């Protein structure tokens, strides 16, 4: 179980979505986690009050609702409080530049953060992305365009990319 004090988390919410239940958690600064309930790649058991009206959780829920209803923003506006190493945060920031309807590769993300030889390290950081969908790790594909590695499962990655018009149904 993740304690609130570990990440300065203040509230959590559960949100149903077309790709299954999502667990959201926020700090006073912004959204810190948006995780798939299953499979678990982070501990989704937060020792926090459930408060879907907390401002960052409510903002994320509103933006996700718009996303699912075809009003996909170029970039979500909910403030994020991304907690990780300097390298991880740089990779996650680079993911935010991959627009809906587009993909990038692990190697390209590594180049964007100034570490062109670190595509595996970039892949590991992408795999630890704490804010799925909003920080669009699902838009990252293998060098050959293949759908590889997604903490939420390849099936969810396919659904998200189809929703964004990258893959044909």
N, C-alpha and C. Protein backbone atom coordinates (compact mmCIF):
# COMPACT_ATOMS: atom_id res chain seq x y z
N UNK A 1 0.84 -1.18 0.00
CA UNK A 1 0.00 0.00 0.00
C UNK A 1 0.89 1.24 0.00
N UNK A 2 0.58 2.19 -0.86
CA UNK A 2 1.31 3.45 -0.93
C UNK A 2 0.69 4.41 0.08
N UNK A 3 1.53 5.01 0.91
CA UNK A 3 0.99 5.95 1.88
C UNK A 3 0.98 7.35 1.29
N UNK A 4 0.06 8.16 1.77
CA UNK A 4 -0.09 9.52 1.26
C UNK A 4 1.18 10.33 1.45
N UNK A 5 1.88 10.12 2.55
CA UNK A 5 3.06 10.93 2.82
C UNK A 5 4.22 10.60 1.89
N UNK A 6 4.25 9.42 1.31
CA UNK A 6 5.35 9.05 0.42
C UNK A 6 5.47 10.00 -0.75
N UNK A 7 4.36 10.40 -1.32
CA UNK A 7 4.35 11.24 -2.52
C UNK A 7 3.59 12.54 -2.30
N UNK A 8 3.30 12.88 -1.06
CA UNK A 8 2.49 14.06 -0.74
C UNK A 8 1.11 13.99 -1.36
N UNK A 9 0.58 12.78 -1.50
CA UNK A 9 -0.74 12.60 -2.07
C UNK A 9 -1.81 13.05 -1.09
N UNK A 10 -2.89 13.65 -1.63
CA UNK A 10 -3.95 14.16 -0.76
C UNK A 10 -5.30 13.51 -1.02
N UNK A 11 -5.53 12.96 -2.20
CA UNK A 11 -6.83 12.37 -2.51
C UNK A 11 -6.71 11.41 -3.68
N UNK A 12 -7.69 10.53 -3.77
CA UNK A 12 -7.75 9.58 -4.88
C UNK A 12 -9.18 9.46 -5.37
N UNK A 13 -9.31 8.90 -6.56
CA UNK A 13 -10.63 8.63 -7.13
C UNK A 13 -10.50 7.44 -8.06
N UNK A 14 -11.60 6.77 -8.28
CA UNK A 14 -11.69 5.68 -9.25
C UNK A 14 -12.60 6.18 -10.35
N UNK A 15 -12.21 5.93 -11.58
CA UNK A 15 -12.95 6.42 -12.73
C UNK A 15 -13.14 5.28 -13.72
N UNK A 16 -14.37 5.04 -14.13
CA UNK A 16 -14.62 4.05 -15.16
C UNK A 16 -14.28 4.67 -16.51
N UNK A 17 -13.76 3.85 -17.42
CA UNK A 17 -13.39 4.33 -18.74
C UNK A 17 -13.59 3.22 -19.76
N UNK A 18 -13.55 3.54 -21.04
CA UNK A 18 -13.66 2.51 -22.08
C UNK A 18 -12.53 1.48 -22.06
N UNK A 19 -11.44 1.78 -21.36
CA UNK A 19 -10.34 0.81 -21.26
C UNK A 19 -10.25 0.22 -19.86
N UNK A 20 -11.33 0.31 -19.12
CA UNK A 20 -11.38 -0.27 -17.78
C UNK A 20 -11.23 0.78 -16.70
N UNK A 21 -11.37 0.33 -15.44
CA UNK A 21 -11.28 1.26 -14.32
C UNK A 21 -9.89 1.89 -14.22
N UNK A 22 -9.91 3.18 -13.89
CA UNK A 22 -8.67 3.94 -13.69
C UNK A 22 -8.62 4.40 -12.24
N UNK A 23 -7.42 4.43 -11.69
CA UNK A 23 -7.18 4.95 -10.35
C UNK A 23 -6.40 6.24 -10.50
N UNK A 24 -6.93 7.32 -9.95
CA UNK A 24 -6.27 8.62 -10.02
C UNK A 24 -5.89 9.04 -8.60
N UNK A 25 -4.75 9.71 -8.47
CA UNK A 25 -4.34 10.26 -7.18
C UNK A 25 -3.66 11.59 -7.45
N UNK A 26 -3.84 12.52 -6.51
CA UNK A 26 -3.32 13.87 -6.70
C UNK A 26 -2.61 14.37 -5.45
N UNK A 27 -1.72 15.32 -5.68
CA UNK A 27 -1.11 16.10 -4.62
C UNK A 27 -1.78 17.47 -4.65
N UNK A 28 -1.34 18.35 -3.77
CA UNK A 28 -1.85 19.73 -3.83
C UNK A 28 -1.39 20.44 -5.09
N UNK A 29 -0.33 19.93 -5.73
CA UNK A 29 0.24 20.58 -6.92
C UNK A 29 -0.38 20.11 -8.23
N UNK A 30 -0.91 18.88 -8.26
CA UNK A 30 -1.46 18.37 -9.51
C UNK A 30 -1.69 16.88 -9.47
N UNK A 31 -2.09 16.36 -10.61
CA UNK A 31 -2.34 14.93 -10.77
C UNK A 31 -0.99 14.19 -10.72
N UNK A 32 -0.89 13.19 -9.85
CA UNK A 32 0.37 12.45 -9.70
C UNK A 32 0.28 11.04 -10.27
N UNK A 33 -0.92 10.46 -10.28
CA UNK A 33 -1.09 9.10 -10.79
C UNK A 33 -2.39 9.00 -11.56
N UNK A 34 -2.33 8.30 -12.68
CA UNK A 34 -3.49 7.85 -13.43
C UNK A 34 -3.10 6.46 -13.90
N UNK A 35 -3.60 5.47 -13.20
CA UNK A 35 -3.16 4.09 -13.41
C UNK A 35 -4.32 3.20 -13.80
N UNK A 36 -4.03 2.17 -14.55
CA UNK A 36 -5.02 1.16 -14.85
C UNK A 36 -5.16 0.29 -13.61
N UNK A 37 -6.40 0.00 -13.25
CA UNK A 37 -6.61 -0.83 -12.06
C UNK A 37 -5.97 -2.21 -12.25
N UNK A 38 -6.07 -2.74 -13.44
CA UNK A 38 -5.45 -4.03 -13.79
C UNK A 38 -4.86 -3.93 -15.18
N UNK A 39 -3.74 -4.49 -15.52
CA UNK A 39 -2.78 -5.08 -14.59
C UNK A 39 -2.08 -3.99 -13.80
N UNK A 40 -1.64 -4.34 -12.63
CA UNK A 40 -1.03 -3.37 -11.74
C UNK A 40 0.45 -3.23 -12.07
N UNK A 41 0.89 -2.02 -12.45
CA UNK A 41 2.31 -1.78 -12.64
C UNK A 41 2.85 -0.84 -11.59
N UNK A 42 1.98 -0.25 -10.85
CA UNK A 42 2.28 0.51 -9.64
C UNK A 42 1.32 -0.06 -8.60
N UNK A 43 1.61 0.18 -7.36
CA UNK A 43 0.67 -0.18 -6.31
C UNK A 43 -0.51 0.78 -6.40
N UNK A 44 -1.69 0.26 -6.67
CA UNK A 44 -2.86 1.11 -6.81
C UNK A 44 -3.68 1.18 -5.52
N UNK A 45 -3.14 0.64 -4.46
CA UNK A 45 -3.80 0.73 -3.16
C UNK A 45 -3.22 1.94 -2.44
N UNK A 46 -3.91 3.06 -2.51
CA UNK A 46 -3.45 4.27 -1.85
C UNK A 46 -4.17 4.44 -0.52
N UNK A 47 -3.42 4.76 0.50
CA UNK A 47 -3.98 5.05 1.82
C UNK A 47 -4.36 6.53 1.84
N UNK A 48 -5.45 6.83 1.13
CA UNK A 48 -5.89 8.21 0.93
C UNK A 48 -7.39 8.31 0.99
N UNK A 49 -7.90 9.49 1.33
CA UNK A 49 -9.34 9.67 1.22
C UNK A 49 -9.78 9.64 -0.25
N UNK A 50 -10.94 9.07 -0.47
CA UNK A 50 -11.53 9.09 -1.81
C UNK A 50 -12.30 10.40 -1.93
N UNK A 51 -11.89 11.21 -2.91
CA UNK A 51 -12.53 12.52 -3.10
C UNK A 51 -12.50 12.90 -4.58
N UNK A 52 -13.47 12.40 -5.35
CA UNK A 52 -13.48 12.71 -6.79
C UNK A 52 -13.70 14.20 -7.07
N UNK A 53 -14.06 14.97 -6.06
CA UNK A 53 -14.25 16.41 -6.25
C UNK A 53 -12.98 17.21 -6.00
N UNK A 54 -11.91 16.55 -5.54
CA UNK A 54 -10.64 17.25 -5.37
C UNK A 54 -10.29 17.90 -6.72
N UNK A 55 -9.80 19.12 -6.71
CA UNK A 55 -9.72 19.90 -7.95
C UNK A 55 -8.94 19.23 -9.07
N UNK A 56 -7.82 18.60 -8.80
CA UNK A 56 -7.03 18.00 -9.89
C UNK A 56 -7.68 16.70 -10.36
N UNK A 57 -8.29 15.97 -9.45
CA UNK A 57 -8.98 14.74 -9.85
C UNK A 57 -10.22 15.07 -10.68
N UNK A 58 -10.96 16.09 -10.27
CA UNK A 58 -12.14 16.50 -11.04
C UNK A 58 -11.74 17.05 -12.41
N UNK A 59 -10.66 17.82 -12.47
CA UNK A 59 -10.19 18.36 -13.75
C UNK A 59 -9.77 17.23 -14.68
N UNK A 60 -9.05 16.25 -14.15
CA UNK A 60 -8.62 15.11 -14.97
C UNK A 60 -9.84 14.34 -15.47
N UNK A 61 -10.82 14.10 -14.60
CA UNK A 61 -12.02 13.37 -14.99
C UNK A 61 -12.77 14.12 -16.10
N UNK A 62 -12.88 15.43 -15.99
CA UNK A 62 -13.55 16.22 -17.03
C UNK A 62 -12.81 16.14 -18.36
N UNK A 63 -11.49 16.26 -18.31
CA UNK A 63 -10.71 16.20 -19.55
C UNK A 63 -10.74 14.81 -20.17
N UNK A 64 -10.71 13.78 -19.33
CA UNK A 64 -10.80 12.42 -19.86
C UNK A 64 -12.18 12.17 -20.48
N UNK A 65 -13.22 12.71 -19.89
CA UNK A 65 -14.55 12.59 -20.47
C UNK A 65 -14.57 13.21 -21.87
N UNK A 66 -13.99 14.40 -22.00
CA UNK A 66 -13.91 15.05 -23.31
C UNK A 66 -13.10 14.19 -24.29
N UNK A 67 -12.00 13.63 -23.82
CA UNK A 67 -11.14 12.77 -24.64
C UNK A 67 -11.95 11.58 -25.17
N UNK A 68 -12.68 10.91 -24.29
CA UNK A 68 -13.44 9.72 -24.70
C UNK A 68 -14.58 10.07 -25.64
N UNK A 69 -15.05 11.31 -25.59
CA UNK A 69 -16.16 11.71 -26.44
C UNK A 69 -15.70 12.46 -27.69
N UNK A 70 -14.47 12.21 -28.10
CA UNK A 70 -13.97 12.73 -29.36
C UNK A 70 -13.53 14.18 -29.36
N UNK A 71 -13.45 14.76 -28.21
CA UNK A 71 -12.96 16.14 -28.11
C UNK A 71 -11.55 16.09 -27.55
N UNK A 72 -10.72 15.34 -28.24
CA UNK A 72 -9.35 15.08 -27.79
C UNK A 72 -8.52 16.36 -27.82
N UNK A 73 -8.06 16.80 -26.67
CA UNK A 73 -7.22 18.00 -26.66
C UNK A 73 -5.85 17.69 -27.25
N UNK A 74 -5.20 18.70 -27.79
CA UNK A 74 -3.84 18.52 -28.26
C UNK A 74 -2.95 18.12 -27.09
N UNK A 75 -3.27 18.70 -25.95
CA UNK A 75 -2.55 18.38 -24.72
C UNK A 75 -3.51 18.62 -23.56
N UNK A 76 -3.55 17.67 -22.64
CA UNK A 76 -4.39 17.85 -21.46
C UNK A 76 -3.86 19.04 -20.67
N UNK A 77 -4.76 19.73 -20.00
CA UNK A 77 -4.37 20.94 -19.28
C UNK A 77 -4.25 20.75 -17.76
N UNK A 78 -4.74 19.64 -17.24
CA UNK A 78 -4.67 19.41 -15.80
C UNK A 78 -3.20 19.47 -15.35
N UNK A 79 -2.89 20.23 -14.31
CA UNK A 79 -1.51 20.28 -13.83
C UNK A 79 -1.06 18.89 -13.36
N UNK A 80 0.18 18.59 -13.64
CA UNK A 80 0.75 17.30 -13.25
C UNK A 80 1.81 17.51 -12.18
N UNK A 81 1.91 16.55 -11.29
CA UNK A 81 2.98 16.51 -10.30
C UNK A 81 3.71 15.19 -10.50
N UNK A 82 4.54 15.15 -11.54
CA UNK A 82 5.25 13.93 -11.92
C UNK A 82 6.43 13.72 -10.98
N UNK A 83 6.43 12.57 -10.32
CA UNK A 83 7.45 12.27 -9.33
C UNK A 83 8.29 11.09 -9.79
N UNK A 84 9.55 11.37 -10.03
CA UNK A 84 10.47 10.34 -10.48
C UNK A 84 11.87 10.92 -10.53
N UNK A 85 12.78 10.18 -11.13
CA UNK A 85 14.14 10.67 -11.28
C UNK A 85 14.17 11.80 -12.30
N UNK A 86 15.26 12.50 -12.36
CA UNK A 86 15.42 13.58 -13.34
C UNK A 86 15.25 13.03 -14.76
N UNK A 87 15.86 11.89 -15.03
CA UNK A 87 15.76 11.28 -16.36
C UNK A 87 14.31 10.87 -16.65
N UNK A 88 13.65 10.22 -15.70
CA UNK A 88 12.27 9.82 -15.91
C UNK A 88 11.38 11.03 -16.21
N UNK A 89 11.53 12.07 -15.43
CA UNK A 89 10.70 13.27 -15.64
C UNK A 89 10.97 13.88 -17.02
N UNK A 90 12.23 13.86 -17.46
CA UNK A 90 12.55 14.38 -18.80
C UNK A 90 11.87 13.54 -19.88
N UNK A 91 11.89 12.23 -19.71
CA UNK A 91 11.23 11.34 -20.68
C UNK A 91 9.73 11.60 -20.68
N UNK A 92 9.13 11.70 -19.50
CA UNK A 92 7.69 11.93 -19.43
C UNK A 92 7.32 13.27 -20.04
N UNK A 93 8.15 14.27 -19.86
CA UNK A 93 7.89 15.57 -20.49
C UNK A 93 7.97 15.44 -22.01
N UNK A 94 8.92 14.65 -22.51
CA UNK A 94 9.04 14.45 -23.96
C UNK A 94 7.80 13.74 -24.52
N UNK A 95 7.21 12.85 -23.74
CA UNK A 95 5.99 12.17 -24.18
C UNK A 95 4.86 13.16 -24.41
N UNK A 96 4.83 14.20 -23.62
CA UNK A 96 3.76 15.20 -23.74
C UNK A 96 3.79 15.93 -25.09
N UNK A 97 4.92 15.87 -25.79
CA UNK A 97 5.04 16.51 -27.10
C UNK A 97 4.55 15.63 -28.25
N UNK A 98 4.23 14.37 -27.97
CA UNK A 98 3.72 13.48 -29.00
C UNK A 98 2.21 13.69 -29.07
N UNK A 99 1.77 14.32 -30.13
CA UNK A 99 0.39 14.76 -30.29
C UNK A 99 -0.56 13.59 -30.61
N UNK A 100 -1.83 13.76 -30.28
CA UNK A 100 -2.82 12.74 -30.66
C UNK A 100 -2.78 12.51 -32.17
N UNK A 101 -2.94 11.26 -32.55
CA UNK A 101 -2.91 10.92 -33.96
C UNK A 101 -1.51 10.67 -34.49
N UNK A 102 -0.52 10.77 -33.63
CA UNK A 102 0.87 10.54 -34.01
C UNK A 102 1.51 9.54 -33.06
N UNK A 103 2.61 8.97 -33.51
CA UNK A 103 3.40 8.08 -32.66
C UNK A 103 4.85 8.53 -32.72
N UNK A 104 5.62 8.00 -31.81
CA UNK A 104 7.06 8.20 -31.80
C UNK A 104 7.69 6.88 -31.38
N UNK A 105 9.01 6.83 -31.36
CA UNK A 105 9.70 5.61 -30.98
C UNK A 105 10.51 5.84 -29.71
N UNK A 106 10.90 4.75 -29.09
CA UNK A 106 11.74 4.83 -27.89
C UNK A 106 13.04 5.56 -28.21
N UNK A 107 13.63 5.26 -29.36
CA UNK A 107 14.87 5.92 -29.77
C UNK A 107 14.69 7.41 -29.95
N UNK A 108 13.57 7.82 -30.55
CA UNK A 108 13.31 9.24 -30.74
C UNK A 108 13.13 9.95 -29.40
N UNK A 109 12.46 9.33 -28.47
CA UNK A 109 12.29 9.93 -27.15
C UNK A 109 13.67 10.07 -26.48
N UNK A 110 14.50 9.05 -26.60
CA UNK A 110 15.86 9.14 -26.03
C UNK A 110 16.63 10.30 -26.65
N UNK A 111 16.51 10.48 -27.96
CA UNK A 111 17.18 11.61 -28.63
C UNK A 111 16.63 12.94 -28.12
N UNK A 112 15.32 13.02 -27.95
CA UNK A 112 14.71 14.27 -27.48
C UNK A 112 15.20 14.69 -26.10
N UNK A 113 15.56 13.73 -25.28
CA UNK A 113 16.03 14.08 -23.93
C UNK A 113 17.56 14.16 -23.87
N UNK A 114 18.20 14.12 -25.04
CA UNK A 114 19.64 14.31 -25.09
C UNK A 114 20.46 13.07 -24.79
N UNK A 115 19.85 11.89 -24.88
CA UNK A 115 20.55 10.63 -24.62
C UNK A 115 20.28 9.65 -25.75
N UNK A 116 20.83 9.93 -26.96
CA UNK A 116 20.48 9.12 -28.12
C UNK A 116 20.81 7.63 -28.00
N UNK A 117 21.74 7.27 -27.13
CA UNK A 117 22.09 5.86 -26.97
C UNK A 117 21.25 5.17 -25.88
N UNK A 118 20.33 5.88 -25.29
CA UNK A 118 19.61 5.37 -24.12
C UNK A 118 18.17 4.98 -24.42
N UNK A 119 17.93 4.34 -25.57
CA UNK A 119 16.55 3.99 -25.90
C UNK A 119 15.99 2.97 -24.91
N UNK A 120 16.82 2.06 -24.41
CA UNK A 120 16.32 1.09 -23.42
C UNK A 120 15.99 1.77 -22.11
N UNK A 121 16.83 2.71 -21.69
CA UNK A 121 16.55 3.47 -20.47
C UNK A 121 15.29 4.32 -20.65
N UNK A 122 15.13 4.89 -21.85
CA UNK A 122 13.91 5.66 -22.12
C UNK A 122 12.71 4.73 -22.05
N UNK A 123 12.85 3.53 -22.59
CA UNK A 123 11.76 2.55 -22.54
C UNK A 123 11.40 2.18 -21.10
N UNK A 124 12.42 2.04 -20.26
CA UNK A 124 12.15 1.73 -18.85
C UNK A 124 11.42 2.89 -18.17
N UNK A 125 11.83 4.10 -18.47
CA UNK A 125 11.16 5.28 -17.90
C UNK A 125 9.72 5.37 -18.41
N UNK A 126 9.52 5.10 -19.68
CA UNK A 126 8.17 5.13 -20.26
C UNK A 126 7.30 4.08 -19.57
N UNK A 127 7.88 2.92 -19.29
CA UNK A 127 7.16 1.86 -18.61
C UNK A 127 6.76 2.21 -17.18
N UNK A 128 7.43 3.19 -16.60
CA UNK A 128 7.12 3.63 -15.23
C UNK A 128 6.30 4.93 -15.22
N UNK A 129 5.78 5.32 -16.37
CA UNK A 129 4.96 6.53 -16.46
C UNK A 129 3.82 6.44 -15.44
N UNK A 130 3.74 7.37 -14.50
CA UNK A 130 2.70 7.28 -13.48
C UNK A 130 1.36 7.88 -13.90
N UNK A 131 1.29 8.52 -15.06
CA UNK A 131 0.06 9.20 -15.47
C UNK A 131 -0.30 8.74 -16.89
N UNK A 132 -0.87 7.53 -16.96
CA UNK A 132 -1.24 6.96 -18.26
C UNK A 132 -2.25 7.86 -18.98
N UNK A 133 -2.31 7.71 -20.26
CA UNK A 133 -3.21 8.41 -21.18
C UNK A 133 -2.87 9.90 -21.27
N UNK A 134 -2.88 10.61 -20.16
CA UNK A 134 -2.59 12.05 -20.17
C UNK A 134 -1.13 12.30 -20.54
N UNK A 135 -0.22 11.51 -19.99
CA UNK A 135 1.18 11.49 -20.45
C UNK A 135 1.21 10.28 -21.39
N UNK A 136 1.14 10.53 -22.70
CA UNK A 136 0.75 9.50 -23.67
C UNK A 136 1.81 8.47 -24.04
N UNK A 137 2.14 7.62 -23.08
CA UNK A 137 3.11 6.56 -23.34
C UNK A 137 2.57 5.55 -24.36
N UNK A 138 1.24 5.50 -24.53
CA UNK A 138 0.66 4.59 -25.51
C UNK A 138 1.01 4.98 -26.94
N UNK A 139 1.50 6.18 -27.16
CA UNK A 139 1.86 6.65 -28.50
C UNK A 139 3.28 6.27 -28.90
N UNK A 140 3.97 5.52 -28.05
CA UNK A 140 5.35 5.13 -28.34
C UNK A 140 5.36 3.71 -28.87
N UNK A 141 5.99 3.53 -30.02
CA UNK A 141 6.04 2.24 -30.70
C UNK A 141 7.49 1.84 -30.92
N UNK A 142 7.68 0.58 -31.32
CA UNK A 142 9.02 0.10 -31.64
C UNK A 142 9.55 0.79 -32.89
N UNK A 143 10.86 0.69 -33.10
CA UNK A 143 11.51 1.32 -34.26
C UNK A 143 10.89 0.89 -35.58
N UNK A 144 10.36 -0.34 -35.61
CA UNK A 144 9.73 -0.85 -36.83
C UNK A 144 8.22 -0.55 -36.89
N UNK A 145 7.72 0.24 -35.94
CA UNK A 145 6.32 0.59 -35.90
C UNK A 145 5.45 -0.39 -35.13
N UNK A 146 6.07 -1.44 -34.59
CA UNK A 146 5.29 -2.45 -33.87
C UNK A 146 4.82 -1.93 -32.51
N UNK A 147 3.69 -2.46 -32.07
CA UNK A 147 3.16 -2.10 -30.76
C UNK A 147 3.87 -2.94 -29.72
N UNK A 148 4.73 -2.30 -28.98
CA UNK A 148 5.52 -3.01 -27.98
C UNK A 148 5.30 -2.35 -26.63
N UNK A 149 5.57 -3.10 -25.60
CA UNK A 149 5.60 -2.62 -24.23
C UNK A 149 4.59 -1.56 -23.85
N UNK A 150 3.60 -1.94 -23.09
CA UNK A 150 2.66 -0.98 -22.53
C UNK A 150 2.19 -1.55 -21.21
N UNK A 151 2.39 -0.81 -20.13
CA UNK A 151 2.07 -1.31 -18.80
C UNK A 151 0.59 -1.68 -18.67
N UNK A 152 -0.27 -1.04 -19.44
CA UNK A 152 -1.70 -1.34 -19.40
C UNK A 152 -2.09 -2.51 -20.28
N UNK A 153 -1.14 -3.08 -21.02
CA UNK A 153 -1.41 -4.19 -21.92
C UNK A 153 -1.54 -3.72 -23.37
N UNK A 154 -1.06 -4.53 -24.27
CA UNK A 154 -1.09 -4.19 -25.70
C UNK A 154 -2.52 -3.96 -26.19
N UNK A 155 -3.49 -4.71 -25.66
CA UNK A 155 -4.88 -4.53 -26.10
C UNK A 155 -5.34 -3.10 -25.81
N UNK A 156 -5.01 -2.58 -24.64
CA UNK A 156 -5.39 -1.20 -24.31
C UNK A 156 -4.66 -0.21 -25.20
N UNK A 157 -3.40 -0.49 -25.47
CA UNK A 157 -2.63 0.39 -26.35
C UNK A 157 -3.31 0.47 -27.71
N UNK A 158 -3.73 -0.68 -28.22
CA UNK A 158 -4.44 -0.71 -29.51
C UNK A 158 -5.71 0.12 -29.46
N UNK A 159 -6.50 -0.04 -28.39
CA UNK A 159 -7.75 0.71 -28.26
C UNK A 159 -7.47 2.21 -28.23
N UNK A 160 -6.48 2.63 -27.46
CA UNK A 160 -6.15 4.05 -27.36
C UNK A 160 -5.69 4.61 -28.70
N UNK A 161 -4.85 3.87 -29.41
CA UNK A 161 -4.36 4.33 -30.71
C UNK A 161 -5.48 4.32 -31.76
N UNK A 162 -6.40 3.36 -31.67
CA UNK A 162 -7.56 3.37 -32.57
C UNK A 162 -8.44 4.57 -32.26
N UNK A 163 -8.65 4.84 -30.99
CA UNK A 163 -9.47 5.98 -30.58
C UNK A 163 -8.90 7.29 -31.13
N UNK A 164 -7.57 7.38 -31.19
CA UNK A 164 -6.91 8.60 -31.67
C UNK A 164 -6.71 8.61 -33.17
N UNK A 165 -7.15 7.55 -33.85
CA UNK A 165 -7.08 7.51 -35.30
C UNK A 165 -5.74 7.07 -35.86
N UNK A 166 -4.87 6.53 -35.01
CA UNK A 166 -3.56 6.05 -35.48
C UNK A 166 -3.70 4.69 -36.13
N UNK A 167 -4.52 3.83 -35.53
CA UNK A 167 -4.74 2.48 -36.06
C UNK A 167 -6.16 2.41 -36.60
N UNK A 168 -6.32 1.70 -37.69
CA UNK A 168 -7.65 1.47 -38.23
C UNK A 168 -8.30 0.32 -37.47
N UNK A 169 -9.59 0.44 -37.29
CA UNK A 169 -10.34 -0.61 -36.55
C UNK A 169 -10.52 -1.81 -37.43
